[in-house]
């Protein structure tokens, strides 16, 4: 049993949001250490947004023949 089982869910949710933001910042900073293109690609790979995957490819002029092209559905 966790000590959190007896705590207010709103308090827990707020802390989860804070932790999520901190983890994201650390993850993004680590990716940026490898360069902006790498950080952008990792973000686009991890996101659920079909639109952002397409925008990444467009921004970097990537085609399906390119190594770093991210698959996406142009019709969505």
PDB file of N, CA and C in Angstrom:
ATOM      1  N   UNK A   1       0.846  -1.184   0.000  1.00  0.00           N
ATOM      2  CA  UNK A   1       0.000   0.000   0.000  1.00  0.00           C
ATOM      3  C   UNK A   1       0.889   1.243   0.000  1.00  0.00           C
ATOM      4  N   UNK A   2       0.543   2.170  -0.850  1.00  0.00           N
ATOM      5  CA  UNK A   2       1.293   3.417  -0.953  1.00  0.00           C
ATOM      6  C   UNK A   2       0.697   4.471  -0.029  1.00  0.00           C
ATOM      7  N   UNK A   3       1.547   5.347   0.475  1.00  0.00           N
ATOM      8  CA  UNK A   3       1.051   6.449   1.306  1.00  0.00           C
ATOM      9  C   UNK A   3       0.113   7.352   0.518  1.00  0.00           C
ATOM     10  N   UNK A   4       0.206   7.320  -0.819  1.00  0.00           N
ATOM     11  CA  UNK A   4      -0.627   8.182  -1.653  1.00  0.00           C
ATOM     12  C   UNK A   4      -2.085   7.736  -1.719  1.00  0.00           C
ATOM     13  N   UNK A   5      -2.355   6.499  -1.340  1.00  0.00           N
ATOM     14  CA  UNK A   5      -3.723   5.986  -1.416  1.00  0.00           C
ATOM     15  C   UNK A   5      -4.681   6.751  -0.520  1.00  0.00           C
ATOM     16  N   UNK A   6      -4.173   7.399   0.495  1.00  0.00           N
ATOM     17  CA  UNK A   6      -5.035   8.145   1.417  1.00  0.00           C
ATOM     18  C   UNK A   6      -4.963   9.654   1.211  1.00  0.00           C
ATOM     19  N   UNK A   7      -4.344  10.077   0.109  1.00  0.00           N
ATOM     20  CA  UNK A   7      -4.186  11.513  -0.141  1.00  0.00           C
ATOM     21  C   UNK A   7      -5.195  12.000  -1.178  1.00  0.00           C
ATOM     22  N   UNK A   8      -5.424  13.300  -1.173  1.00  0.00           N
ATOM     23  CA  UNK A   8      -6.356  13.949  -2.082  1.00  0.00           C
ATOM     24  C   UNK A   8      -5.858  13.784  -3.524  1.00  0.00           C
ATOM     25  N   UNK A   9      -6.732  13.312  -4.405  1.00  0.00           N
ATOM     26  CA  UNK A   9      -6.351  13.057  -5.793  1.00  0.00           C
ATOM     27  C   UNK A   9      -5.938  14.330  -6.522  1.00  0.00           C
ATOM     28  N   UNK A  10      -6.548  15.463  -6.197  1.00  0.00           N
ATOM     29  CA  UNK A  10      -6.172  16.729  -6.838  1.00  0.00           C
ATOM     30  C   UNK A  10      -4.732  17.105  -6.497  1.00  0.00           C
ATOM     31  N   UNK A  11      -4.322  16.871  -5.269  1.00  0.00           N
ATOM     32  CA  UNK A  11      -2.943  17.151  -4.848  1.00  0.00           C
ATOM     33  C   UNK A  11      -1.992  16.228  -5.601  1.00  0.00           C
ATOM     34  N   UNK A  12      -2.339  14.960  -5.685  1.00  0.00           N
ATOM     35  CA  UNK A  12      -1.504  13.984  -6.394  1.00  0.00           C
ATOM     36  C   UNK A  12      -1.392  14.360  -7.867  1.00  0.00           C
ATOM     37  N   UNK A  13      -2.513  14.702  -8.499  1.00  0.00           N
ATOM     38  CA  UNK A  13      -2.506  15.087  -9.914  1.00  0.00           C
ATOM     39  C   UNK A  13      -1.632  16.304 -10.168  1.00  0.00           C
ATOM     40  N   UNK A  14      -1.673  17.281  -9.278  1.00  0.00           N
ATOM     41  CA  UNK A  14      -0.839  18.480  -9.425  1.00  0.00           C
ATOM     42  C   UNK A  14       0.638  18.116  -9.344  1.00  0.00           C
ATOM     43  N   UNK A  15       0.978  17.223  -8.436  1.00  0.00           N
ATOM     44  CA  UNK A  15       2.378  16.806  -8.305  1.00  0.00           C
ATOM     45  C   UNK A  15       2.827  15.973  -9.503  1.00  0.00           C
ATOM     46  N   UNK A  16       1.941  15.157 -10.020  1.00  0.00           N
ATOM     47  CA  UNK A  16       2.267  14.386 -11.226  1.00  0.00           C
ATOM     48  C   UNK A  16       2.567  15.332 -12.379  1.00  0.00           C
ATOM     49  N   UNK A  17       1.785  16.401 -12.504  1.00  0.00           N
ATOM     50  CA  UNK A  17       2.019  17.385 -13.558  1.00  0.00           C
ATOM     51  C   UNK A  17       3.391  18.051 -13.379  1.00  0.00           C
ATOM     52  N   UNK A  18       3.728  18.420 -12.157  1.00  0.00           N
ATOM     53  CA  UNK A  18       5.024  19.044 -11.879  1.00  0.00           C
ATOM     54  C   UNK A  18       6.167  18.099 -12.230  1.00  0.00           C
ATOM     55  N   UNK A  19       6.041  16.852 -11.822  1.00  0.00           N
ATOM     56  CA  UNK A  19       7.078  15.855 -12.115  1.00  0.00           C
ATOM     57  C   UNK A  19       7.189  15.636 -13.622  1.00  0.00           C
ATOM     58  N   UNK A  20       6.053  15.576 -14.303  1.00  0.00           N
ATOM     59  CA  UNK A  20       6.055  15.388 -15.758  1.00  0.00           C
ATOM     60  C   UNK A  20       6.794  16.520 -16.461  1.00  0.00           C
ATOM     61  N   UNK A  21       6.543  17.742 -16.031  1.00  0.00           N
ATOM     62  CA  UNK A  21       7.219  18.896 -16.628  1.00  0.00           C
ATOM     63  C   UNK A  21       8.719  18.852 -16.384  1.00  0.00           C
ATOM     64  N   UNK A  22       9.121  18.477 -15.176  1.00  0.00           N
ATOM     65  CA  UNK A  22      10.553  18.381 -14.866  1.00  0.00           C
ATOM     66  C   UNK A  22      11.224  17.296 -15.701  1.00  0.00           C
ATOM     67  N   UNK A  23      10.567  16.146 -15.813  1.00  0.00           N
ATOM     68  CA  UNK A  23      11.129  15.057 -16.609  1.00  0.00           C
ATOM     69  C   UNK A  23      11.225  15.428 -18.084  1.00  0.00           C
ATOM     70  N   UNK A  24      10.207  16.125 -18.589  1.00  0.00           N
ATOM     71  CA  UNK A  24      10.249  16.576 -19.979  1.00  0.00           C
ATOM     72  C   UNK A  24      11.405  17.539 -20.206  1.00  0.00           C
ATOM     73  N   UNK A  25      11.577  18.497 -19.298  1.00  0.00           N
ATOM     74  CA  UNK A  25      12.683  19.454 -19.430  1.00  0.00           C
ATOM     75  C   UNK A  25      14.032  18.750 -19.434  1.00  0.00           C
ATOM     76  N   UNK A  26      14.206  17.781 -18.551  1.00  0.00           N
ATOM     77  CA  UNK A  26      15.462  17.027 -18.500  1.00  0.00           C
ATOM     78  C   UNK A  26      15.660  16.230 -19.782  1.00  0.00           C
ATOM     79  N   UNK A  27      14.605  15.594 -20.275  1.00  0.00           N
ATOM     80  CA  UNK A  27      14.671  14.810 -21.504  1.00  0.00           C
ATOM     81  C   UNK A  27      15.024  15.703 -22.692  1.00  0.00           C
ATOM     82  N   UNK A  28      14.367  16.864 -22.776  1.00  0.00           N
ATOM     83  CA  UNK A  28      14.614  17.772 -23.891  1.00  0.00           C
ATOM     84  C   UNK A  28      16.026  18.349 -23.827  1.00  0.00           C
ATOM     85  N   UNK A  29      16.477  18.727 -22.631  1.00  0.00           N
ATOM     86  CA  UNK A  29      17.841  19.241 -22.484  1.00  0.00           C
ATOM     87  C   UNK A  29      18.867  18.194 -22.905  1.00  0.00           C
ATOM     88  N   UNK A  30      18.629  16.961 -22.532  1.00  0.00           N
ATOM     89  CA  UNK A  30      19.528  15.873 -22.919  1.00  0.00           C
ATOM     90  C   UNK A  30      19.543  15.709 -24.436  1.00  0.00           C
ATOM     91  N   UNK A  31      18.380  15.790 -25.061  1.00  0.00           N
ATOM     92  CA  UNK A  31      18.315  15.695 -26.524  1.00  0.00           C
ATOM     93  C   UNK A  31      19.008  16.876 -27.185  1.00  0.00           C
ATOM     94  N   UNK A  32      18.841  18.070 -26.612  1.00  0.00           N
ATOM     95  CA  UNK A  32      19.490  19.255 -27.187  1.00  0.00           C
ATOM     96  C   UNK A  32      21.004  19.176 -27.091  1.00  0.00           C
ATOM     97  N   UNK A  33      21.516  18.437 -26.117  1.00  0.00           N
ATOM     98  CA  UNK A  33      22.966  18.232 -26.034  1.00  0.00           C
ATOM     99  C   UNK A  33      23.497  17.563 -27.297  1.00  0.00           C
ATOM    100  N   UNK A  34      22.621  16.819 -27.974  1.00  0.00           N
ATOM    101  CA  UNK A  34      23.001  16.130 -29.216  1.00  0.00           C
ATOM    102  C   UNK A  34      22.771  17.004 -30.446  1.00  0.00           C
ATOM    103  N   UNK A  35      22.133  18.147 -30.265  1.00  0.00           N
ATOM    104  CA  UNK A  35      21.885  19.061 -31.379  1.00  0.00           C
ATOM    105  C   UNK A  35      20.403  19.306 -31.586  1.00  0.00           C
ATOM    106  N   UNK A  36      20.085  20.420 -32.235  1.00  0.00           N
ATOM    107  CA  UNK A  36      18.700  20.816 -32.440  1.00  0.00           C
ATOM    108  C   UNK A  36      17.955  19.835 -33.343  1.00  0.00           C
ATOM    109  N   UNK A  37      18.582  19.382 -34.419  1.00  0.00           N
ATOM    110  CA  UNK A  37      17.925  18.426 -35.307  1.00  0.00           C
ATOM    111  C   UNK A  37      17.571  17.160 -34.541  1.00  0.00           C
ATOM    112  N   UNK A  38      18.497  16.659 -33.742  1.00  0.00           N
ATOM    113  CA  UNK A  38      18.257  15.452 -32.958  1.00  0.00           C
ATOM    114  C   UNK A  38      17.090  15.666 -31.994  1.00  0.00           C
ATOM    115  N   UNK A  39      17.077  16.796 -31.306  1.00  0.00           N
ATOM    116  CA  UNK A  39      16.006  17.094 -30.350  1.00  0.00           C
ATOM    117  C   UNK A  39      14.662  17.205 -31.064  1.00  0.00           C
ATOM    118  N   UNK A  40      14.652  17.878 -32.206  1.00  0.00           N
ATOM    119  CA  UNK A  40      13.416  17.996 -32.977  1.00  0.00           C
ATOM    120  C   UNK A  40      12.916  16.624 -33.426  1.00  0.00           C
ATOM    121  N   UNK A  41      13.838  15.804 -33.902  1.00  0.00           N
ATOM    122  CA  UNK A  41      13.451  14.474 -34.384  1.00  0.00           C
ATOM    123  C   UNK A  41      12.908  13.611 -33.251  1.00  0.00           C
ATOM    124  N   UNK A  42      13.571  13.628 -32.115  1.00  0.00           N
ATOM    125  CA  UNK A  42      13.098  12.838 -30.970  1.00  0.00           C
ATOM    126  C   UNK A  42      11.704  13.291 -30.543  1.00  0.00           C
ATOM    127  N   UNK A  43      11.481  14.602 -30.537  1.00  0.00           N
ATOM    128  CA  UNK A  43      10.162  15.123 -30.177  1.00  0.00           C
ATOM    129  C   UNK A  43       9.119  14.638 -31.176  1.00  0.00           C
ATOM    130  N   UNK A  44       9.415  14.783 -32.453  1.00  0.00           N
ATOM    131  CA  UNK A  44       8.464  14.369 -33.489  1.00  0.00           C
ATOM    132  C   UNK A  44       8.200  12.861 -33.431  1.00  0.00           C
ATOM    133  N   UNK A  45       9.232  12.082 -33.165  1.00  0.00           N
ATOM    134  CA  UNK A  45       9.064  10.628 -33.063  1.00  0.00           C
ATOM    135  C   UNK A  45       8.150  10.251 -31.901  1.00  0.00           C
ATOM    136  N   UNK A  46       8.286  10.930 -30.788  1.00  0.00           N
ATOM    137  CA  UNK A  46       7.557  10.571 -29.575  1.00  0.00           C
ATOM    138  C   UNK A  46       6.126  11.111 -29.534  1.00  0.00           C
ATOM    139  N   UNK A  47       5.850  12.159 -30.293  1.00  0.00           N
ATOM    140  CA  UNK A  47       4.523  12.754 -30.214  1.00  0.00           C
ATOM    141  C   UNK A  47       3.497  11.898 -30.959  1.00  0.00           C
ATOM    142  N   UNK A  48       2.264  12.031 -30.554  1.00  0.00           N
ATOM    143  CA  UNK A  48       1.168  11.319 -31.208  1.00  0.00           C
ATOM    144  C   UNK A  48       0.610  12.100 -32.399  1.00  0.00           C
ATOM    145  N   UNK A  49       1.092  13.299 -32.580  1.00  0.00           N
ATOM    146  CA  UNK A  49       0.530  14.178 -33.602  1.00  0.00           C
ATOM    147  C   UNK A  49       1.057  13.838 -34.992  1.00  0.00           C
ATOM    148  N   UNK A  50       0.170  13.336 -35.824  1.00  0.00           N
ATOM    149  CA  UNK A  50       0.495  13.078 -37.221  1.00  0.00           C
ATOM    150  C   UNK A  50       0.914  14.388 -37.906  1.00  0.00           C
ATOM    151  N   UNK A  51       0.221  15.466 -37.570  1.00  0.00           N
ATOM    152  CA  UNK A  51       0.511  16.786 -38.133  1.00  0.00           C
ATOM    153  C   UNK A  51       1.958  17.202 -37.856  1.00  0.00           C
ATOM    154  N   UNK A  52       2.420  17.053 -36.600  1.00  0.00           N
ATOM    155  CA  UNK A  52       3.784  17.475 -36.258  1.00  0.00           C
ATOM    156  C   UNK A  52       4.832  16.590 -36.929  1.00  0.00           C
ATOM    157  N   UNK A  53       4.537  15.325 -37.118  1.00  0.00           N
ATOM    158  CA  UNK A  53       5.463  14.452 -37.839  1.00  0.00           C
ATOM    159  C   UNK A  53       5.642  14.975 -39.268  1.00  0.00           C
ATOM    160  N   UNK A  54       4.531  15.317 -39.896  1.00  0.00           N
ATOM    161  CA  UNK A  54       4.593  15.865 -41.248  1.00  0.00           C
ATOM    162  C   UNK A  54       5.302  17.205 -41.294  1.00  0.00           C
ATOM    163  N   UNK A  55       5.042  18.050 -40.317  1.00  0.00           N
ATOM    164  CA  UNK A  55       5.696  19.364 -40.275  1.00  0.00           C
ATOM    165  C   UNK A  55       7.205  19.231 -40.078  1.00  0.00           C
ATOM    166  N   UNK A  56       7.627  18.234 -39.274  1.00  0.00           N
ATOM    167  CA  UNK A  56       9.052  17.982 -39.093  1.00  0.00           C
ATOM    168  C   UNK A  56       9.686  17.645 -40.444  1.00  0.00           C
ATOM    169  N   UNK A  57       9.077  16.707 -41.160  1.00  0.00           N
ATOM    170  CA  UNK A  57       9.612  16.320 -42.469  1.00  0.00           C
ATOM    171  C   UNK A  57       9.671  17.504 -43.418  1.00  0.00           C
ATOM    172  N   UNK A  58       8.617  18.304 -43.428  1.00  0.00           N
ATOM    173  CA  UNK A  58       8.555  19.469 -44.299  1.00  0.00           C
ATOM    174  C   UNK A  58       9.622  20.493 -43.933  1.00  0.00           C
ATOM    175  N   UNK A  59       9.761  20.786 -42.652  1.00  0.00           N
ATOM    176  CA  UNK A  59      10.730  21.778 -42.188  1.00  0.00           C
ATOM    177  C   UNK A  59      12.156  21.404 -42.590  1.00  0.00           C
ATOM    178  N   UNK A  60      12.482  20.117 -42.460  1.00  0.00           N
ATOM    179  CA  UNK A  60      13.837  19.659 -42.784  1.00  0.00           C
ATOM    180  C   UNK A  60      13.949  19.111 -44.213  1.00  0.00           C
ATOM    181  N   UNK A  61      12.909  19.358 -45.026  1.00  0.00           N
ATOM    182  CA  UNK A  61      12.900  18.919 -46.431  1.00  0.00           C
ATOM    183  C   UNK A  61      13.221  17.436 -46.577  1.00  0.00           C
ATOM    184  N   UNK A  62      12.613  16.621 -45.731  1.00  0.00           N
ATOM    185  CA  UNK A  62      12.870  15.184 -45.758  1.00  0.00           C
ATOM    186  C   UNK A  62      11.825  14.482 -46.625  1.00  0.00           C
ATOM    187  N   UNK A  63      12.276  13.500 -47.349  1.00  0.00           N
ATOM    188  CA  UNK A  63      11.400  12.673 -48.182  1.00  0.00           C
ATOM    189  C   UNK A  63      11.483  11.239 -47.678  1.00  0.00           C
ATOM    190  N   UNK A  64      10.555  10.394 -48.119  1.00  0.00           N
ATOM    191  CA  UNK A  64      10.595   8.990 -47.676  1.00  0.00           C
ATOM    192  C   UNK A  64      11.922   8.281 -47.973  1.00  0.00           C
ATOM    193  N   UNK A  65      12.697   8.810 -48.871  1.00  0.00           N
ATOM    194  CA  UNK A  65      14.008   8.212 -49.199  1.00  0.00           C
ATOM    195  C   UNK A  65      15.096   8.597 -48.197  1.00  0.00           C
ATOM    196  N   UNK A  66      14.830   9.617 -47.361  1.00  0.00           N
ATOM    197  CA  UNK A  66      15.825  10.091 -46.404  1.00  0.00           C
ATOM    198  C   UNK A  66      15.854   9.213 -45.153  1.00  0.00           C
ATOM    199  N   UNK A  67      17.035   9.053 -44.596  1.00  0.00           N
ATOM    200  CA  UNK A  67      17.238   8.228 -43.406  1.00  0.00           C
ATOM    201  C   UNK A  67      16.423   8.718 -42.214  1.00  0.00           C
ATOM    202  N   UNK A  68      16.292  10.017 -42.055  1.00  0.00           N
ATOM    203  CA  UNK A  68      15.640  10.575 -40.862  1.00  0.00           C
ATOM    204  C   UNK A  68      14.168  10.918 -41.062  1.00  0.00           C
ATOM    205  N   UNK A  69      13.632  10.582 -42.225  1.00  0.00           N
ATOM    206  CA  UNK A  69      12.209  10.807 -42.503  1.00  0.00           C
ATOM    207  C   UNK A  69      11.364  10.049 -41.489  1.00  0.00           C
ATOM    208  N   UNK A  70      10.311  10.697 -40.997  1.00  0.00           N
ATOM    209  CA  UNK A  70       9.406  10.064 -40.040  1.00  0.00           C
ATOM    210  C   UNK A  70       8.098   9.741 -40.775  1.00  0.00           C
ATOM    211  N   UNK A  71       7.718   8.480 -40.726  1.00  0.00           N
ATOM    212  CA  UNK A  71       6.481   8.042 -41.386  1.00  0.00           C
ATOM    213  C   UNK A  71       5.285   8.772 -40.787  1.00  0.00           C
ATOM    214  N   UNK A  72       4.391   9.185 -41.652  1.00  0.00           N
ATOM    215  CA  UNK A  72       3.167   9.843 -41.219  1.00  0.00           C
ATOM    216  C   UNK A  72       2.117   9.674 -42.314  1.00  0.00           C
ATOM    217  N   UNK A  73       0.876   9.880 -41.960  1.00  0.00           N
ATOM    218  CA  UNK A  73      -0.235   9.716 -42.891  1.00  0.00           C
ATOM    219  C   UNK A  73      -0.639  11.094 -43.410  1.00  0.00           C
ATOM    220  N   UNK A  74      -0.339  11.364 -44.657  1.00  0.00           N
ATOM    221  CA  UNK A  74      -0.616  12.684 -45.233  1.00  0.00           C
ATOM    222  C   UNK A  74      -2.104  12.973 -45.341  1.00  0.00           C
ATOM    223  N   UNK A  75      -2.935  11.957 -45.282  1.00  0.00           N
ATOM    224  CA  UNK A  75      -4.367  12.144 -45.441  1.00  0.00           C
ATOM    225  C   UNK A  75      -5.112  12.408 -44.138  1.00  0.00           C
ATOM    226  N   UNK A  76      -4.434  12.265 -43.005  1.00  0.00           N
ATOM    227  CA  UNK A  76      -5.108  12.512 -41.724  1.00  0.00           C
ATOM    228  C   UNK A  76      -5.211  13.980 -41.447  1.00  0.00           C
TER     229      UNK A  76
END
